[in-house]
């Protein structure tokens, strides 16, 4: 057998669970939890709609020995599509997590502007340099990795596409069914 060391870019490209878990093991439980919560996992994003869910992220005190292997693969927590979209957008937006909103503006019957939403930075979740790396990694996923079907034909180099694939096993233990995702 040949031992193969994958680079972080290759781990991301091929959605390697082993590589992802190995990388996550390099920080403490508390650091990992703080990173997840800073990304907005386990808390409402603050959207302007009633009844928003914060998803599920148990406190570190409730983690098991398996949590550090399960969490990096997307298990043992639940996030809403809005939380995932907001987190990824924040990572790609120079690392700035923004407060999402549904209503961009309100106008009077005659079209006069009554109110306009203003972009609001909630917090810095990654460095701008990390954001640039993640953009490169996500582009690599659709160029060379698990998301090739999402690639686009470049118009003179002006268009770029990136993304991240995911696969999760449904919780029904009787059947081996999976859910595929892409962002």
Protein backbone atom coordinates (compact mmCIF):
# COMPACT_ATOMS: atom_id res chain seq x y z
CA UNK A 1 0.00 0.00 0.00
CA UNK A 2 1.15 3.48 -0.81
CA UNK A 3 0.66 6.14 1.82
CA UNK A 4 -0.71 9.31 0.27
CA UNK A 5 -0.71 12.70 1.90
CA UNK A 6 -3.38 15.01 0.52
CA UNK A 7 -2.98 18.76 0.49
CA UNK A 8 -5.74 20.89 2.02
CA UNK A 9 -6.85 21.79 -1.51
CA UNK A 10 -7.11 18.10 -2.46
CA UNK A 11 -9.02 17.32 0.73
CA UNK A 12 -11.51 20.03 -0.17
CA UNK A 13 -11.57 19.09 -3.89
CA UNK A 14 -12.44 15.45 -3.25
CA UNK A 15 -14.54 16.06 -0.13
CA UNK A 16 -12.29 13.74 1.84
CA UNK A 17 -13.88 12.86 5.17
CA UNK A 18 -10.61 11.42 6.47
CA UNK A 19 -8.70 14.58 5.58
CA UNK A 20 -11.40 16.82 7.01
CA UNK A 21 -11.44 14.92 10.30
CA UNK A 22 -7.63 14.94 10.48
CA UNK A 23 -7.60 18.73 9.99
CA UNK A 24 -10.28 19.26 12.62
CA UNK A 25 -8.29 17.23 15.15
CA UNK A 26 -5.63 19.95 15.17
CA UNK A 27 -7.73 22.24 17.36
CA UNK A 28 -9.35 21.76 20.75
CA UNK A 29 -13.05 21.01 21.17
CA UNK A 30 -13.57 24.51 22.49
CA UNK A 31 -11.79 26.12 19.53
CA UNK A 32 -13.81 24.01 17.11
CA UNK A 33 -17.07 24.93 18.84
CA UNK A 34 -16.16 28.62 18.85
CA UNK A 35 -15.40 28.47 15.13
CA UNK A 36 -18.74 26.83 14.34
CA UNK A 37 -20.68 29.35 16.41
CA UNK A 38 -18.75 32.29 14.95
CA UNK A 39 -19.81 31.02 11.51
CA UNK A 40 -23.41 31.21 12.73
CA UNK A 41 -24.01 27.49 13.28
CA UNK A 42 -26.33 26.81 16.20
CA UNK A 43 -27.75 30.31 16.39
CA UNK A 44 -30.34 32.27 14.39
CA UNK A 45 -28.90 34.43 11.61
CA UNK A 46 -31.22 37.29 12.58
CA UNK A 47 -33.26 37.44 9.38
CA UNK A 48 -36.29 39.70 9.31
CA UNK A 49 -38.83 36.88 9.48
CA UNK A 50 -40.51 35.44 12.58
CA UNK A 51 -39.80 31.91 13.75
CA UNK A 52 -36.26 31.52 12.45
CA UNK A 53 -34.54 28.39 13.75
CA UNK A 54 -31.06 28.47 15.19
CA UNK A 55 -30.47 24.90 14.12
CA UNK A 56 -28.85 22.46 16.52
CA UNK A 57 -25.32 22.52 17.92
CA UNK A 58 -24.86 20.88 21.28
CA UNK A 59 -22.47 22.48 23.77
CA UNK A 60 -19.02 20.91 24.10
CA UNK A 61 -20.00 19.44 27.47
CA UNK A 62 -22.48 17.18 25.61
CA UNK A 63 -20.06 15.97 22.94
CA UNK A 64 -19.08 12.31 22.88
CA UNK A 65 -15.79 10.69 21.87
CA UNK A 66 -17.22 10.41 18.35
CA UNK A 67 -18.20 14.08 18.07
CA UNK A 68 -14.78 15.22 16.85
CA UNK A 69 -15.02 12.74 13.98
CA UNK A 70 -18.70 13.32 13.26
CA UNK A 71 -18.93 17.11 13.34
CA UNK A 72 -16.33 17.79 10.60
CA UNK A 73 -18.29 15.51 8.27
CA UNK A 74 -21.53 17.38 8.94
CA UNK A 75 -23.08 15.07 11.51
CA UNK A 76 -24.26 15.81 15.06
CA UNK A 77 -25.51 19.25 14.17
CA UNK A 78 -28.34 20.68 12.10
CA UNK A 79 -28.16 23.92 10.18
CA UNK A 80 -30.82 25.66 8.17
CA UNK A 81 -30.23 26.39 4.48
CA UNK A 82 -30.05 30.08 5.42
CA UNK A 83 -27.29 29.39 7.95
CA UNK A 84 -25.26 27.41 5.41
CA UNK A 85 -25.75 30.06 2.72
CA UNK A 86 -24.88 32.87 5.12
CA UNK A 87 -21.76 31.08 6.39
CA UNK A 88 -20.44 30.31 2.91
CA UNK A 89 -21.26 33.85 1.75
CA UNK A 90 -19.41 35.25 4.75
CA UNK A 91 -16.35 33.14 4.08
CA UNK A 92 -16.31 34.29 0.45
CA UNK A 93 -17.11 37.94 1.26
CA UNK A 94 -13.60 38.74 2.47
CA UNK A 95 -14.51 36.86 5.65
CA UNK A 96 -17.31 39.22 6.64
CA UNK A 97 -20.48 37.55 7.94
CA UNK A 98 -23.41 39.75 7.02
CA UNK A 99 -26.84 40.04 8.61
CA UNK A 100 -29.25 38.60 6.03
CA UNK A 101 -32.52 40.27 5.11
CA UNK A 102 -35.49 39.48 2.92
CA UNK A 103 -36.90 42.95 2.31
CA UNK A 104 -34.43 45.21 0.51
CA UNK A 105 -36.59 48.32 0.50
CA UNK A 106 -40.10 49.70 1.01
CA UNK A 107 -41.73 52.10 -1.35
CA UNK A 108 -44.90 54.19 -1.23
CA UNK A 109 -47.70 53.63 -3.76
CA UNK A 110 -46.21 56.44 -5.89
CA UNK A 111 -42.80 54.70 -5.91
CA UNK A 112 -41.12 57.00 -3.39
CA UNK A 113 -38.48 55.24 -1.30
CA UNK A 114 -39.60 54.92 2.32
CA UNK A 115 -36.86 52.69 3.68
CA UNK A 116 -33.84 50.83 2.34
CA UNK A 117 -31.95 48.02 4.07
CA UNK A 118 -28.30 48.72 4.71
CA UNK A 119 -25.64 46.00 4.63
CA UNK A 120 -24.62 45.13 8.18
CA UNK A 121 -21.45 43.25 9.06
CA UNK A 122 -22.12 40.94 12.01
CA UNK A 123 -18.49 39.89 12.51
CA UNK A 124 -15.28 38.90 10.78
CA UNK A 125 -15.23 35.09 10.58
CA UNK A 126 -12.06 34.48 8.56
CA UNK A 127 -9.18 36.64 7.37
CA UNK A 128 -9.43 38.15 3.86
CA UNK A 129 -6.43 36.02 2.89
CA UNK A 130 -8.31 32.88 4.02
CA UNK A 131 -11.31 34.05 2.00
CA UNK A 132 -9.12 34.27 -1.12
CA UNK A 133 -7.84 30.72 -0.52
CA UNK A 134 -11.39 29.40 -0.07
CA UNK A 135 -12.48 31.02 -3.34
CA UNK A 136 -9.62 29.20 -5.06
CA UNK A 137 -10.54 25.91 -3.35
CA UNK A 138 -14.21 26.24 -4.34
CA UNK A 139 -13.30 27.02 -7.93
CA UNK A 140 -11.08 23.93 -7.93
CA UNK A 141 -14.04 21.79 -6.80
CA UNK A 142 -15.98 22.62 -9.98
CA UNK A 143 -12.93 22.61 -12.24
CA UNK A 144 -11.21 19.43 -11.05
CA UNK A 145 -13.20 17.84 -8.23
CA UNK A 146 -16.54 16.50 -7.09
CA UNK A 147 -18.50 19.44 -8.53
CA UNK A 148 -17.39 19.27 -12.17
CA UNK A 149 -21.01 19.20 -13.38
CA UNK A 150 -21.40 22.74 -12.03
CA UNK A 151 -18.58 24.17 -14.13
CA UNK A 152 -19.38 26.91 -16.59
CA UNK A 153 -17.87 27.88 -19.90
CA UNK A 154 -15.74 30.95 -19.30
CA UNK A 155 -16.55 33.99 -21.40
CA UNK A 156 -13.04 35.23 -22.12
CA UNK A 157 -12.00 34.54 -18.52
CA UNK A 158 -14.58 36.88 -17.02
CA UNK A 159 -16.75 34.21 -15.42
CA UNK A 160 -15.62 31.98 -12.61
CA UNK A 161 -17.61 29.36 -10.74
CA UNK A 162 -16.96 27.66 -7.45
CA UNK A 163 -18.81 25.43 -5.06
CA UNK A 164 -18.73 22.65 -2.53
CA UNK A 165 -20.38 19.27 -2.67
CA UNK A 166 -21.64 17.35 0.31
CA UNK A 167 -23.12 13.95 0.99
CA UNK A 168 -24.83 12.85 4.16
CA UNK A 169 -26.35 9.58 5.16
CA UNK A 170 -30.00 9.74 6.18
CA UNK A 171 -30.64 8.92 9.81
CA UNK A 172 -32.83 5.93 8.90
CA UNK A 173 -30.55 3.04 9.88
CA UNK A 174 -32.62 0.44 7.96
CA UNK A 175 -31.83 1.88 4.54
CA UNK A 176 -28.59 3.21 3.07
CA UNK A 177 -29.95 6.41 1.59
CA UNK A 178 -27.96 9.57 1.10
CA UNK A 179 -28.63 13.23 0.55
CA UNK A 180 -26.38 15.05 -1.88
CA UNK A 181 -25.95 18.80 -1.62
CA UNK A 182 -24.14 21.54 -3.49
CA UNK A 183 -23.56 25.19 -2.75
